[in-house]
N, C-alpha and C. Protein backbone atom coordinates (compact mmCIF):
# COMPACT_ATOMS: atom_id res chain seq x y z
N MET A 1 52.80 83.41 62.16
CA MET A 1 53.34 83.20 63.45
C MET A 1 54.65 83.09 63.38
N ALA A 2 55.77 83.65 64.25
CA ALA A 2 56.99 83.46 63.93
C ALA A 2 57.53 82.09 64.61
N ASP A 3 58.62 81.67 63.78
CA ASP A 3 59.22 80.35 64.49
C ASP A 3 59.74 80.40 65.89
N ILE A 4 59.54 79.49 66.55
CA ILE A 4 60.08 79.74 68.06
C ILE A 4 61.61 79.00 67.81
N ILE A 5 61.68 78.02 66.93
CA ILE A 5 62.97 77.28 66.67
C ILE A 5 63.28 77.40 65.27
N GLN A 6 64.37 78.10 65.31
CA GLN A 6 65.05 77.97 63.80
C GLN A 6 66.53 77.03 63.70
N VAL A 7 66.38 76.31 62.88
CA VAL A 7 67.61 75.58 62.61
C VAL A 7 68.24 75.99 61.34
N GLN A 8 69.40 76.78 61.15
CA GLN A 8 69.87 77.39 60.12
C GLN A 8 70.99 76.81 59.59
N ASN A 9 70.92 75.97 58.47
CA ASN A 9 72.24 75.63 57.72
C ASN A 9 73.09 74.92 58.44
N VAL A 10 72.46 73.82 59.49
CA VAL A 10 73.10 73.11 60.24
C VAL A 10 74.04 72.00 59.86
N TYR A 11 75.27 71.87 60.08
CA TYR A 11 76.20 70.72 59.95
C TYR A 11 76.47 70.20 61.17
N LYS A 12 76.84 68.78 61.38
CA LYS A 12 77.12 68.22 62.72
C LYS A 12 78.04 67.12 62.18
N SER A 13 79.16 67.14 62.51
CA SER A 13 80.34 65.91 62.41
C SER A 13 80.92 65.79 63.75
N TYR A 14 81.21 64.42 63.86
CA TYR A 14 82.07 64.05 65.17
C TYR A 14 83.45 63.38 64.50
N TRP A 15 84.56 63.68 65.47
CA TRP A 15 85.95 63.37 64.98
C TRP A 15 86.19 62.23 66.05
N ARG A 16 86.75 61.27 65.48
CA ARG A 16 87.54 60.02 66.18
C ARG A 16 88.73 59.67 65.74
N ASP A 17 89.73 60.42 66.60
CA ASP A 17 91.04 60.36 66.04
C ASP A 17 91.21 61.63 64.89
N SER A 18 91.76 60.86 63.83
CA SER A 18 91.54 61.69 62.40
C SER A 18 90.54 61.49 61.55
N PHE A 19 89.65 60.48 61.95
CA PHE A 19 88.54 60.37 61.25
C PHE A 19 87.16 60.94 61.31
N GLU A 20 86.82 61.64 60.45
CA GLU A 20 85.44 62.56 60.53
C GLU A 20 84.12 61.89 60.12
N THR A 21 83.16 61.66 60.97
CA THR A 21 82.07 60.87 60.59
C THR A 21 80.86 62.27 60.52
N SER A 22 80.35 62.57 59.29
CA SER A 22 79.31 63.54 59.20
C SER A 22 78.07 62.86 59.43
N VAL A 23 77.27 63.60 60.34
CA VAL A 23 75.92 63.15 60.66
C VAL A 23 74.76 64.06 60.13
N LEU A 24 74.84 65.35 60.29
CA LEU A 24 73.87 65.99 59.63
C LEU A 24 74.36 66.99 58.65
N HIS A 25 73.68 67.23 57.55
CA HIS A 25 74.07 67.97 56.43
C HIS A 25 73.22 69.01 55.99
N ASN A 26 73.60 70.29 56.27
CA ASN A 26 72.92 71.38 56.10
C ASN A 26 71.31 71.56 56.15
N ILE A 27 71.08 71.08 57.37
CA ILE A 27 69.72 70.94 57.94
C ILE A 27 69.27 72.39 58.10
N SER A 28 68.04 73.01 57.57
CA SER A 28 67.32 73.97 57.88
C SER A 28 65.72 73.70 58.18
N LEU A 29 65.24 74.14 59.28
CA LEU A 29 64.01 73.79 59.68
C LEU A 29 63.49 75.17 60.69
N GLY A 30 62.19 75.18 60.41
CA GLY A 30 61.73 76.10 61.18
C GLY A 30 60.28 75.52 61.94
N ILE A 31 60.26 75.82 63.53
CA ILE A 31 59.17 75.50 64.09
C ILE A 31 58.28 76.44 64.84
N ASN A 32 57.27 76.55 64.55
CA ASN A 32 56.36 77.48 65.32
C ASN A 32 56.07 77.40 66.74
N GLU A 33 55.90 78.15 67.62
CA GLU A 33 55.24 78.24 68.81
C GLU A 33 54.05 77.42 68.96
N GLY A 34 54.07 76.49 69.80
CA GLY A 34 52.83 75.57 70.21
C GLY A 34 52.59 74.50 69.08
N GLU A 35 53.56 74.21 68.29
CA GLU A 35 53.67 73.37 67.20
C GLU A 35 54.09 72.03 67.74
N PHE A 36 53.76 70.91 67.34
CA PHE A 36 53.96 69.51 67.81
C PHE A 36 54.56 68.81 66.52
N LEU A 37 55.71 68.75 66.46
CA LEU A 37 56.61 68.10 65.37
C LEU A 37 57.22 66.51 65.83
N ALA A 38 57.22 65.81 64.77
CA ALA A 38 57.60 64.48 64.91
C ALA A 38 58.89 64.36 63.92
N LEU A 39 60.16 63.89 64.38
CA LEU A 39 61.00 63.49 63.60
C LEU A 39 61.23 61.90 63.39
N MET A 40 61.20 61.52 62.26
CA MET A 40 61.32 60.16 61.69
C MET A 40 62.27 59.82 61.06
N GLY A 41 62.65 58.76 60.90
CA GLY A 41 63.92 58.36 60.06
C GLY A 41 64.51 56.97 60.36
N PRO A 42 65.22 56.27 59.73
CA PRO A 42 65.83 55.00 60.04
C PRO A 42 67.04 55.30 61.26
N SER A 43 67.15 54.22 61.88
CA SER A 43 68.47 54.24 62.98
C SER A 43 69.78 54.98 62.39
N GLY A 44 70.32 55.75 62.96
CA GLY A 44 71.56 56.40 62.13
C GLY A 44 71.38 57.43 61.24
N SER A 45 70.06 57.84 61.41
CA SER A 45 69.80 59.03 60.29
C SER A 45 70.06 60.36 60.84
N GLY A 46 70.23 60.62 62.15
CA GLY A 46 70.64 61.70 62.65
C GLY A 46 69.51 62.57 63.44
N LYS A 47 68.44 61.63 63.67
CA LYS A 47 67.40 62.20 64.63
C LYS A 47 67.64 62.71 65.84
N THR A 48 68.15 61.97 66.70
CA THR A 48 68.59 62.15 68.06
C THR A 48 69.60 63.40 68.11
N THR A 49 70.62 63.37 67.18
CA THR A 49 71.53 64.42 67.06
C THR A 49 70.98 65.58 66.73
N LEU A 50 69.87 65.72 65.83
CA LEU A 50 69.08 67.12 65.74
C LEU A 50 68.50 67.54 66.92
N LEU A 51 67.72 66.58 67.52
CA LEU A 51 67.19 66.85 68.85
C LEU A 51 68.14 67.33 69.91
N ASN A 52 69.28 66.68 69.96
CA ASN A 52 70.15 67.32 71.11
C ASN A 52 70.75 68.66 70.62
N LEU A 53 70.89 68.89 69.31
CA LEU A 53 71.29 70.24 69.10
C LEU A 53 70.34 71.46 69.36
N ILE A 54 68.95 70.91 69.28
CA ILE A 54 67.77 72.04 69.09
C ILE A 54 67.75 72.14 70.94
N SER A 55 68.05 71.14 71.72
CA SER A 55 67.88 71.19 73.08
C SER A 55 69.17 71.90 73.73
N GLY A 56 70.31 71.98 73.07
CA GLY A 56 71.34 72.45 73.48
C GLY A 56 72.15 71.58 74.33
N ILE A 57 71.94 70.31 74.18
CA ILE A 57 72.83 69.27 74.65
C ILE A 57 74.14 69.12 74.00
N ASP A 58 74.16 69.60 72.56
CA ASP A 58 75.20 69.48 71.75
C ASP A 58 75.21 70.80 70.84
N LYS A 59 76.32 70.99 70.10
CA LYS A 59 76.44 72.19 69.20
C LYS A 59 76.62 71.71 67.87
N PRO A 60 76.27 72.58 67.00
CA PRO A 60 76.55 72.23 65.73
C PRO A 60 78.11 72.60 65.35
N SER A 61 78.36 71.72 64.33
CA SER A 61 79.80 71.96 63.80
C SER A 61 79.78 73.32 62.87
N LYS A 62 78.67 73.48 62.02
CA LYS A 62 78.41 74.70 61.39
C LYS A 62 77.17 75.28 61.45
N GLY A 63 76.71 76.20 61.25
CA GLY A 63 75.12 76.85 61.40
C GLY A 63 74.92 77.31 62.75
N ASN A 64 73.65 77.57 62.80
CA ASN A 64 72.97 78.13 63.97
C ASN A 64 71.74 77.56 64.43
N ILE A 65 71.52 77.56 65.74
CA ILE A 65 70.31 77.03 66.19
C ILE A 65 69.81 78.26 67.06
N VAL A 66 68.71 79.00 66.71
CA VAL A 66 68.04 80.01 67.40
C VAL A 66 66.70 79.65 67.94
N ILE A 67 66.63 79.76 69.30
CA ILE A 67 65.65 79.37 69.81
C ILE A 67 65.02 80.67 70.72
N ASN A 68 63.87 81.08 70.34
CA ASN A 68 63.07 82.10 71.04
C ASN A 68 64.11 83.38 70.84
N GLY A 69 64.81 83.61 69.91
CA GLY A 69 65.42 84.77 69.60
C GLY A 69 66.81 84.69 70.21
N THR A 70 67.16 83.42 70.74
CA THR A 70 68.60 83.34 71.34
C THR A 70 69.40 82.33 70.54
N ASP A 71 70.41 82.57 70.01
CA ASP A 71 71.50 81.86 69.25
C ASP A 71 72.06 81.02 70.17
N ILE A 72 71.59 79.71 70.51
CA ILE A 72 72.21 79.11 71.54
C ILE A 72 73.76 78.40 71.15
N SER A 73 73.72 78.42 69.81
CA SER A 73 75.01 77.67 69.19
C SER A 73 76.07 78.77 69.42
N LYS A 74 76.01 79.85 70.06
CA LYS A 74 77.18 80.83 70.39
C LYS A 74 77.35 80.96 71.89
N LEU A 75 76.33 80.20 72.58
CA LEU A 75 76.49 80.28 74.23
C LEU A 75 77.71 79.52 74.62
N GLY A 76 78.35 79.91 75.64
CA GLY A 76 79.33 79.14 76.30
C GLY A 76 78.60 77.89 77.24
N GLU A 77 79.58 77.11 77.81
CA GLU A 77 78.84 75.86 78.32
C GLU A 77 77.96 76.29 79.54
N SER A 78 78.71 77.31 80.36
CA SER A 78 77.84 77.46 81.70
C SER A 78 76.48 78.38 81.23
N ALA A 79 76.30 79.04 80.27
CA ALA A 79 75.42 79.94 79.88
C ALA A 79 74.36 78.83 79.18
N LEU A 80 74.80 77.92 78.51
CA LEU A 80 74.01 77.03 77.91
C LEU A 80 73.29 75.98 79.01
N ALA A 81 74.17 75.71 79.73
CA ALA A 81 73.28 74.92 81.01
C ALA A 81 72.31 75.60 81.62
N LYS A 82 72.53 76.89 81.86
CA LYS A 82 71.51 77.64 82.50
C LYS A 82 70.17 77.75 81.62
N TRP A 83 70.54 78.13 80.13
CA TRP A 83 69.49 78.20 79.30
C TRP A 83 68.49 76.77 79.27
N ARG A 84 69.44 75.58 79.09
CA ARG A 84 68.88 74.54 79.17
C ARG A 84 67.74 74.41 80.26
N ALA A 85 68.19 74.82 81.37
CA ALA A 85 67.53 74.51 82.72
C ALA A 85 66.23 75.34 82.57
N ASN A 86 66.20 76.60 82.07
CA ASN A 86 65.35 77.44 82.10
C ASN A 86 64.14 77.38 80.75
N ASN A 87 64.58 76.63 79.70
CA ASN A 87 63.56 76.58 78.62
C ASN A 87 63.42 75.13 78.01
N ILE A 88 63.83 74.15 78.45
CA ILE A 88 63.96 72.72 77.78
C ILE A 88 63.34 71.80 78.89
N GLY A 89 62.42 70.92 78.48
CA GLY A 89 61.95 69.87 79.15
C GLY A 89 62.22 68.65 78.47
N PHE A 90 63.00 67.63 79.20
CA PHE A 90 63.60 66.39 78.55
C PHE A 90 62.66 65.22 78.94
N VAL A 91 62.05 64.44 77.78
CA VAL A 91 61.54 63.35 78.00
C VAL A 91 62.35 62.10 77.37
N PHE A 92 62.91 61.13 77.81
CA PHE A 92 63.56 60.10 77.21
C PHE A 92 63.08 58.62 77.13
N GLN A 93 63.47 57.87 76.33
CA GLN A 93 62.65 56.65 76.18
C GLN A 93 62.99 55.80 77.62
N PHE A 94 64.04 55.87 78.18
CA PHE A 94 64.18 54.96 79.62
C PHE A 94 63.94 55.79 80.80
N TYR A 95 63.16 56.91 80.64
CA TYR A 95 62.55 57.31 81.89
C TYR A 95 63.69 58.04 82.71
N ASN A 96 64.74 57.51 82.93
CA ASN A 96 66.05 58.12 83.98
C ASN A 96 65.67 58.59 85.14
N LEU A 97 64.75 58.02 85.59
CA LEU A 97 64.39 58.34 87.17
C LEU A 97 65.23 57.77 88.07
N ILE A 98 65.53 58.41 89.32
CA ILE A 98 66.41 58.01 90.41
C ILE A 98 65.86 56.96 91.08
N PRO A 99 66.14 55.48 91.26
CA PRO A 99 65.47 54.55 91.93
C PRO A 99 65.28 54.84 93.30
N VAL A 100 66.06 55.66 93.94
CA VAL A 100 66.14 55.64 95.50
C VAL A 100 65.27 57.03 95.77
N LEU A 101 64.82 57.72 95.03
CA LEU A 101 63.93 58.91 95.02
C LEU A 101 62.35 58.48 94.80
N THR A 102 61.50 59.04 95.75
CA THR A 102 60.12 58.85 95.31
C THR A 102 59.75 59.74 94.15
N ALA A 103 58.65 59.31 93.54
CA ALA A 103 58.08 60.27 92.44
C ALA A 103 58.17 61.76 92.74
N PHE A 104 57.68 62.21 93.82
CA PHE A 104 57.83 63.53 94.20
C PHE A 104 59.27 63.89 94.21
N GLU A 105 60.09 63.26 94.76
CA GLU A 105 61.53 63.78 94.68
C GLU A 105 62.01 63.88 93.32
N ASN A 106 61.65 62.56 92.60
CA ASN A 106 62.29 62.76 91.15
C ASN A 106 61.82 64.03 90.44
N VAL A 107 60.46 64.42 90.49
CA VAL A 107 60.00 65.65 89.87
C VAL A 107 60.68 66.81 90.55
N GLU A 108 60.96 66.84 91.84
CA GLU A 108 61.47 68.03 92.14
C GLU A 108 62.87 68.30 91.84
N LEU A 109 63.33 67.49 91.41
CA LEU A 109 64.85 67.51 91.30
C LEU A 109 65.21 69.10 90.36
N PRO A 110 64.70 69.14 89.43
CA PRO A 110 65.07 70.32 88.56
C PRO A 110 64.81 71.64 89.26
N LEU A 111 63.83 71.64 90.25
CA LEU A 111 63.57 72.89 91.10
C LEU A 111 64.59 73.04 92.00
N LEU A 112 65.65 72.18 92.49
CA LEU A 112 66.47 72.35 93.37
C LEU A 112 67.36 73.38 93.12
N LEU A 113 67.66 73.39 91.57
CA LEU A 113 68.45 74.53 91.10
C LEU A 113 67.86 75.93 91.03
N THR A 114 66.78 76.02 91.51
CA THR A 114 66.10 77.36 91.37
C THR A 114 65.96 78.33 92.82
N LYS A 115 65.64 79.28 92.69
CA LYS A 115 65.39 80.18 94.01
C LYS A 115 64.04 79.87 94.70
N LEU A 116 63.37 78.95 94.22
CA LEU A 116 61.95 78.63 94.83
C LEU A 116 62.17 78.16 96.16
N SER A 117 61.06 78.51 96.91
CA SER A 117 61.16 78.06 98.64
C SER A 117 60.72 76.59 98.55
N LYS A 118 60.89 75.86 99.65
CA LYS A 118 60.38 74.50 99.90
C LYS A 118 58.81 74.32 99.48
N ALA A 119 58.16 75.22 99.87
CA ALA A 119 56.65 75.36 100.04
C ALA A 119 56.27 75.59 98.41
N GLU A 120 57.04 76.46 97.90
CA GLU A 120 56.64 76.84 96.44
C GLU A 120 57.15 75.52 95.54
N ARG A 121 58.30 74.77 95.83
CA ARG A 121 58.50 73.48 95.05
C ARG A 121 57.58 72.60 95.19
N ARG A 122 56.92 72.37 96.44
CA ARG A 122 55.93 71.41 96.61
C ARG A 122 54.65 71.70 95.75
N LYS A 123 54.35 73.14 95.75
CA LYS A 123 53.24 73.34 94.96
C LYS A 123 53.41 73.13 93.28
N HIS A 124 54.67 73.36 92.74
CA HIS A 124 54.79 72.99 91.39
C HIS A 124 54.93 71.70 91.34
N VAL A 125 55.59 70.98 92.08
CA VAL A 125 55.75 69.37 92.03
C VAL A 125 54.17 68.63 92.11
N GLU A 126 53.57 69.20 93.02
CA GLU A 126 52.06 68.62 93.25
C GLU A 126 51.27 68.88 91.90
N MET A 127 51.39 70.12 91.22
CA MET A 127 50.63 70.37 90.17
C MET A 127 51.16 69.60 88.94
N ALA A 128 52.36 69.36 88.71
CA ALA A 128 52.90 68.59 87.59
C ALA A 128 52.41 67.29 87.72
N LEU A 129 52.58 66.57 88.95
CA LEU A 129 52.27 65.24 89.26
C LEU A 129 50.51 64.94 88.76
N ASN A 130 49.78 66.02 89.29
CA ASN A 130 48.52 66.15 88.89
C ASN A 130 48.06 66.16 87.58
N ILE A 131 49.03 66.94 86.86
CA ILE A 131 48.64 67.01 85.31
C ILE A 131 48.98 65.70 84.72
N VAL A 132 49.88 65.03 85.15
CA VAL A 132 49.96 63.79 84.44
C VAL A 132 49.16 62.49 85.02
N GLY A 133 48.18 62.82 85.87
CA GLY A 133 47.45 61.82 86.69
C GLY A 133 48.08 61.13 87.80
N LEU A 134 49.00 61.53 88.36
CA LEU A 134 49.75 60.80 89.32
C LEU A 134 49.95 61.46 90.94
N GLY A 135 48.72 62.09 91.10
CA GLY A 135 48.59 62.86 92.20
C GLY A 135 48.65 62.01 93.41
N ASP A 136 48.41 60.73 93.15
CA ASP A 136 48.01 59.89 94.34
C ASP A 136 49.14 58.73 94.49
N ARG A 137 50.18 59.13 93.75
CA ARG A 137 51.59 58.19 93.63
C ARG A 137 52.80 59.24 93.98
N MET A 138 52.43 60.19 94.54
CA MET A 138 53.72 61.10 95.04
C MET A 138 54.67 60.35 95.62
N GLU A 139 54.34 59.34 96.61
CA GLU A 139 55.24 58.97 97.44
C GLU A 139 55.88 57.52 97.12
N HIS A 140 55.23 57.08 95.83
CA HIS A 140 55.66 55.91 95.40
C HIS A 140 57.07 56.03 94.85
N TYR A 141 57.95 54.65 94.93
CA TYR A 141 59.40 54.76 94.22
C TYR A 141 59.23 54.16 92.78
N PRO A 142 60.12 54.60 91.97
CA PRO A 142 59.98 53.86 90.64
C PRO A 142 59.66 52.53 90.58
N LYS A 143 60.28 51.43 91.48
CA LYS A 143 59.96 50.19 91.30
C LYS A 143 58.48 49.86 91.75
N GLN A 144 57.86 50.69 92.05
CA GLN A 144 56.26 50.46 92.59
C GLN A 144 55.37 50.99 91.59
N LEU A 145 55.82 51.45 90.38
CA LEU A 145 55.15 51.97 89.40
C LEU A 145 55.37 51.18 88.19
N SER A 146 54.22 51.20 87.22
CA SER A 146 54.45 50.55 85.91
C SER A 146 55.19 51.47 85.09
N GLY A 147 55.57 50.84 83.74
CA GLY A 147 56.38 51.48 82.87
C GLY A 147 55.79 52.54 82.52
N GLY A 148 54.36 52.74 82.21
CA GLY A 148 53.66 53.89 81.80
C GLY A 148 53.77 54.91 82.91
N GLN A 149 53.51 54.56 84.03
CA GLN A 149 53.74 55.49 85.19
C GLN A 149 54.96 56.12 85.27
N GLU A 150 56.00 55.41 85.30
CA GLU A 150 57.28 55.89 85.27
C GLU A 150 57.54 56.97 84.26
N GLN A 151 57.14 56.62 82.86
CA GLN A 151 56.93 57.80 81.86
C GLN A 151 56.38 58.90 82.43
N ARG A 152 55.13 58.78 82.80
CA ARG A 152 54.40 59.85 83.26
C ARG A 152 55.13 60.83 84.33
N VAL A 153 55.79 60.10 85.46
CA VAL A 153 56.70 60.73 86.37
C VAL A 153 57.71 61.69 85.69
N ALA A 154 58.38 61.05 84.71
CA ALA A 154 59.45 61.60 83.68
C ALA A 154 58.78 62.92 83.09
N ILE A 155 57.71 62.75 82.49
CA ILE A 155 57.04 63.80 81.92
C ILE A 155 56.74 65.09 82.84
N ALA A 156 56.26 64.70 83.94
CA ALA A 156 56.04 65.56 85.10
C ALA A 156 57.24 66.25 85.50
N ARG A 157 58.32 65.71 85.66
CA ARG A 157 59.77 66.26 85.85
C ARG A 157 60.13 67.19 84.81
N ALA A 158 59.78 66.89 83.49
CA ALA A 158 60.07 67.84 82.28
C ALA A 158 59.36 68.93 82.19
N ILE A 159 58.09 68.91 82.71
CA ILE A 159 57.13 70.21 82.62
C ILE A 159 57.17 70.90 83.96
N VAL A 160 58.00 70.43 84.99
CA VAL A 160 57.63 71.09 86.40
C VAL A 160 58.24 72.60 86.40
N THR A 161 59.20 72.72 85.58
CA THR A 161 59.84 74.21 85.36
C THR A 161 59.27 75.07 84.28
N ASP A 162 58.08 74.43 83.95
CA ASP A 162 57.31 75.37 82.71
C ASP A 162 58.26 75.47 81.74
N PRO A 163 58.81 74.64 81.14
CA PRO A 163 59.53 75.06 80.08
C PRO A 163 59.05 75.56 78.84
N VAL A 164 59.55 76.23 78.02
CA VAL A 164 59.08 76.53 76.66
C VAL A 164 58.94 75.53 75.72
N ILE A 165 59.73 74.68 75.61
CA ILE A 165 59.93 73.55 74.62
C ILE A 165 60.12 72.16 75.44
N LEU A 166 59.12 71.22 74.94
CA LEU A 166 59.44 69.82 75.37
C LEU A 166 59.98 68.94 74.27
N VAL A 167 61.33 68.39 74.33
CA VAL A 167 61.91 67.23 73.58
C VAL A 167 61.84 65.93 74.12
N ALA A 168 61.45 65.13 73.08
CA ALA A 168 60.92 63.96 73.74
C ALA A 168 61.73 62.85 72.57
N ASP A 169 62.42 61.94 73.10
CA ASP A 169 63.41 60.92 72.39
C ASP A 169 62.68 59.74 72.50
N GLU A 170 62.00 59.12 71.64
CA GLU A 170 61.48 57.78 71.62
C GLU A 170 60.56 57.67 72.89
N PRO A 171 59.63 58.67 73.28
CA PRO A 171 58.95 58.69 74.48
C PRO A 171 58.01 57.45 74.82
N THR A 172 57.60 56.64 73.70
CA THR A 172 56.90 55.45 73.77
C THR A 172 57.66 54.12 73.50
N GLY A 173 58.86 54.49 73.20
CA GLY A 173 59.62 53.09 72.58
C GLY A 173 59.90 52.21 73.53
N ASP A 174 59.72 52.16 74.75
CA ASP A 174 59.90 51.01 75.74
C ASP A 174 58.50 50.84 76.61
N LEU A 175 57.53 50.99 75.94
CA LEU A 175 56.22 50.74 76.52
C LEU A 175 55.20 49.87 75.71
N ASP A 176 54.20 49.20 76.46
CA ASP A 176 53.35 48.27 75.74
C ASP A 176 52.17 49.45 74.95
N LYS A 177 51.30 48.71 74.14
CA LYS A 177 50.59 49.62 73.46
C LYS A 177 49.76 50.50 74.12
N ASN A 178 49.08 50.10 75.16
CA ASN A 178 48.09 50.88 75.95
C ASN A 178 48.74 51.98 76.77
N SER A 179 49.97 51.57 77.46
CA SER A 179 50.69 52.55 78.06
C SER A 179 51.13 53.71 77.07
N ALA A 180 51.59 53.09 76.01
CA ALA A 180 52.13 54.23 74.82
C ALA A 180 50.91 55.17 74.49
N ASP A 181 50.00 54.41 74.38
CA ASP A 181 48.68 55.52 73.84
C ASP A 181 48.30 56.54 75.05
N GLU A 182 48.46 55.97 76.21
CA GLU A 182 48.34 56.95 77.27
C GLU A 182 49.39 58.34 77.36
N ILE A 183 50.53 57.88 76.98
CA ILE A 183 51.64 58.88 76.90
C ILE A 183 51.37 59.89 75.71
N LEU A 184 50.98 59.44 74.72
CA LEU A 184 50.51 60.12 73.58
C LEU A 184 49.50 60.93 73.81
N ILE A 185 48.54 60.65 74.42
CA ILE A 185 47.27 61.47 74.85
C ILE A 185 47.84 62.58 75.82
N LEU A 186 48.69 62.22 76.64
CA LEU A 186 49.19 63.34 77.73
C LEU A 186 50.10 64.24 76.76
N MET A 187 50.86 63.86 75.91
CA MET A 187 51.64 64.73 75.14
C MET A 187 50.68 65.68 74.14
N GLU A 188 49.61 65.11 73.67
CA GLU A 188 48.80 66.04 73.00
C GLU A 188 47.90 67.07 73.71
N ARG A 189 47.57 66.66 75.09
CA ARG A 189 47.20 67.43 76.10
C ARG A 189 48.12 68.62 76.29
N LEU A 190 49.38 68.32 76.64
CA LEU A 190 50.34 69.35 76.96
C LEU A 190 50.42 70.15 75.70
N ASN A 191 50.49 69.72 74.61
CA ASN A 191 50.46 70.57 73.40
C ASN A 191 49.35 71.62 73.43
N LYS A 192 47.89 70.99 73.46
CA LYS A 192 46.96 71.71 73.04
C LYS A 192 46.42 72.71 74.33
N GLU A 193 46.53 72.19 75.41
CA GLU A 193 45.82 72.74 76.71
C GLU A 193 46.85 73.76 77.23
N PHE A 194 48.20 73.26 77.25
CA PHE A 194 49.44 74.10 77.70
C PHE A 194 50.14 74.65 76.94
N ASN A 195 49.92 74.83 75.44
CA ASN A 195 50.64 75.36 74.38
C ASN A 195 52.04 74.87 74.45
N LYS A 196 52.44 73.83 74.82
CA LYS A 196 53.85 73.31 74.97
C LYS A 196 54.47 72.85 73.22
N THR A 197 55.37 73.60 73.01
CA THR A 197 55.87 73.35 71.78
C THR A 197 56.72 71.98 71.76
N ILE A 198 56.43 70.95 71.00
CA ILE A 198 57.05 69.60 71.29
C ILE A 198 57.74 69.21 70.13
N VAL A 199 58.92 68.64 70.25
CA VAL A 199 59.71 68.15 69.24
C VAL A 199 60.02 66.68 69.73
N MET A 200 59.48 65.50 69.03
CA MET A 200 59.49 64.47 69.30
C MET A 200 60.32 63.34 68.36
N VAL A 201 61.28 62.77 68.62
CA VAL A 201 61.64 61.73 67.78
C VAL A 201 61.12 60.41 68.06
N THR A 202 60.68 59.79 66.85
CA THR A 202 60.00 58.42 67.10
C THR A 202 60.15 57.73 65.78
N HIS A 203 60.20 56.27 65.78
CA HIS A 203 60.27 55.33 64.85
C HIS A 203 58.86 54.88 64.47
N ASP A 204 57.79 55.16 65.50
CA ASP A 204 56.63 54.68 65.50
C ASP A 204 55.56 55.62 64.54
N PRO A 205 54.85 55.16 63.43
CA PRO A 205 54.00 55.91 62.71
C PRO A 205 52.91 56.37 63.49
N HIS A 206 52.31 55.41 64.48
CA HIS A 206 51.24 55.79 65.28
C HIS A 206 51.49 57.05 66.21
N ALA A 207 52.74 57.02 66.78
CA ALA A 207 53.19 58.00 67.53
C ALA A 207 53.16 59.40 66.74
N ALA A 208 53.88 59.24 65.56
CA ALA A 208 54.24 60.24 64.74
C ALA A 208 52.80 61.20 64.31
N SER A 209 51.68 60.22 64.04
CA SER A 209 50.44 60.66 63.64
C SER A 209 49.68 61.65 64.48
N LYS A 210 50.43 61.56 65.83
CA LYS A 210 49.77 62.71 66.87
C LYS A 210 50.31 64.10 66.62
N ALA A 211 51.54 64.17 65.87
CA ALA A 211 52.08 65.24 65.68
C ALA A 211 51.31 66.16 64.54
N HIS A 212 51.46 67.51 64.63
CA HIS A 212 50.89 68.34 63.59
C HIS A 212 51.69 68.38 62.30
N ILE A 213 53.10 68.19 62.34
CA ILE A 213 53.94 68.01 61.30
C ILE A 213 54.91 66.79 61.57
N VAL A 214 55.19 66.17 60.35
CA VAL A 214 56.00 65.03 60.39
C VAL A 214 57.32 65.38 59.54
N ARG A 215 58.62 65.47 59.90
CA ARG A 215 59.61 65.58 58.97
C ARG A 215 60.44 64.19 59.02
N HIS A 216 61.21 63.91 58.00
CA HIS A 216 62.07 62.71 57.84
C HIS A 216 63.37 63.03 57.64
N LEU A 217 64.21 62.35 58.27
CA LEU A 217 65.64 62.32 58.06
C LEU A 217 66.06 60.86 57.51
N GLU A 218 67.06 61.16 56.56
CA GLU A 218 67.69 60.07 55.90
C GLU A 218 69.27 60.25 55.63
N LYS A 219 70.03 59.45 56.49
CA LYS A 219 71.49 59.68 56.16
C LYS A 219 71.75 61.15 56.40
N GLY A 220 71.18 61.86 57.39
CA GLY A 220 71.82 63.20 57.78
C GLY A 220 71.14 64.08 56.96
N ASP A 221 70.08 63.94 55.99
CA ASP A 221 69.50 64.82 55.16
C ASP A 221 67.99 64.76 55.39
N LEU A 222 67.48 66.17 55.70
CA LEU A 222 66.08 66.54 55.99
C LEU A 222 65.48 66.26 54.57
N ILE A 223 64.58 65.54 54.44
CA ILE A 223 63.71 65.11 53.23
C ILE A 223 62.43 65.60 53.31
N GLN A 224 61.67 65.67 52.06
CA GLN A 224 60.46 66.30 52.09
C GLN A 224 59.35 65.96 53.11
N GLU A 225 58.52 66.80 53.70
CA GLU A 225 57.51 66.65 54.66
C GLU A 225 56.61 65.54 54.31
N ALA A 226 56.20 64.73 55.17
CA ALA A 226 55.25 63.80 55.09
C ALA A 226 53.94 64.15 54.72
N VAL A 227 53.29 63.71 53.96
CA VAL A 227 51.71 64.12 53.62
C VAL A 227 50.61 63.42 54.38
């Protein structure tokens, strides 16, 4: 099976004034379509930086990121924004829901940038919320939901455009154990039933155990695969 994600000899540095901070060093990584990969490592190891490069939020200083045949490291900002909207679903630790919008309206947000009609948008939103088990909470505001429910709304928002890849940055990091387990079961389902390729950053070995493959970063270097 061909790699849907190819990280090729990637370096990433940040400059502040004349001082360079090197974050990633010669990272190469291939991820197959339909794979569920967890990135682990201590704080500051470069996990989120690598996730941001794979999702097109940031660009490498050197090297290439090829997703589904497109070298996104060569795209301009406008083309990259369009590519992200069509290909990537984002799940964050702190949900990033808009408090004055209902669950339905939060999930609908990515679709407002598409050419879908209002009726088509409603169909997509209802389907996404039903997949995450919140079909009966569509008109609830974030403050009326538990943390686990808020994260499920965020996941519905991530999948409503039917993205090729889901990227998740510590998706269970702000949840109690029961809510975290519900989110992990949902992510497993999205991977197995809907064949979503998932790249998840986590510090939690229990969360990482749900992935097919676990890779470790340490001080910007990708070390051997966990057994």
